[in-house]
Amino acid sequence: MNEEKDARLLSRAAAELESARAEFASLDGSASASRAERAAYRLQAAQEAWDALHATELAA
């Protein structure tokens, strides 16, 4: 059951990272500074979450 939970967490983290990357990539020159900042923060947080989960998986 623990492996199933880990797989769900990894799947969610991967989906969030993919979504954050797409949002960041979709920004154009007309995007407000606050929107760009939020997108960059979301991308950074998603990447950090992915890295942390992936590191935990490798350590196990």
Protein backbone atom coordinates (compact mmCIF):
# COMPACT_ATOMS: atom_id res chain seq x y z
CA MET A 1 0.00 0.00 0.00
CA ASN A 2 2.89 2.36 0.71
CA GLU A 3 4.21 1.87 -2.83
CA GLU A 4 0.77 2.74 -4.19
CA LYS A 5 0.73 5.96 -2.16
CA ASP A 6 4.25 6.81 -3.35
CA ALA A 7 3.22 6.21 -6.95
CA ARG A 8 0.23 8.54 -6.54
CA LEU A 9 2.44 11.23 -5.02
CA LEU A 10 4.93 10.94 -7.86
CA SER A 11 2.13 11.04 -10.41
CA ARG A 12 0.63 14.17 -8.86
CA ALA A 13 4.03 15.85 -8.62
CA ALA A 14 4.75 15.03 -12.26
CA ALA A 15 1.38 16.39 -13.35
CA GLU A 16 1.88 19.60 -11.35
CA LEU A 17 5.37 20.05 -12.79
CA GLU A 18 4.09 19.53 -16.33
CA SER A 19 1.25 21.99 -15.76
CA ALA A 20 3.55 24.60 -14.20
CA ARG A 21 6.00 24.26 -17.09
CA ALA A 22 3.19 24.72 -19.61
CA GLU A 23 1.88 27.77 -17.77
CA PHE A 24 5.34 29.33 -17.63
CA ALA A 25 6.01 28.56 -21.29
CA SER A 26 2.71 30.16 -22.30
CA LEU A 27 3.66 33.54 -20.87
CA ASP A 28 4.25 36.19 -23.46
CA GLY A 29 5.41 39.77 -23.43
CA SER A 30 1.97 41.03 -22.50
CA ALA A 31 1.82 39.00 -19.27
CA SER A 32 1.78 41.13 -16.14
CA ALA A 33 4.79 41.06 -13.88
CA SER A 34 2.74 39.56 -11.05
CA ARG A 35 1.44 36.76 -13.30
CA ALA A 36 4.95 35.99 -14.48
CA GLU A 37 6.19 36.00 -10.89
CA ARG A 38 3.42 33.63 -9.78
CA ALA A 39 4.13 31.29 -12.69
CA ALA A 40 7.86 31.29 -11.92
CA TYR A 41 7.19 30.62 -8.23
CA ARG A 42 4.76 27.80 -9.08
CA LEU A 43 7.31 26.26 -11.44
CA GLN A 44 10.06 26.47 -8.84
CA ALA A 45 7.85 24.92 -6.15
CA ALA A 46 6.74 22.12 -8.46
CA GLN A 47 10.34 21.39 -9.46
CA GLU A 48 11.46 21.32 -5.82
CA ALA A 49 8.59 18.99 -4.89
CA TRP A 50 9.45 16.68 -7.79
CA ASP A 51 13.14 16.68 -6.87
CA ALA A 52 12.37 15.93 -3.22
CA LEU A 53 10.06 13.03 -4.07
CA HIS A 54 12.48 11.67 -6.64
CA ALA A 55 15.39 11.85 -4.18
CA THR A 56 13.29 10.04 -1.57
CA GLU A 57 12.44 7.35 -4.11
CA LEU A 58 16.10 6.85 -5.01
CA ALA A 59 17.12 6.64 -1.35
CA ALA A 60 14.55 3.93 -0.62
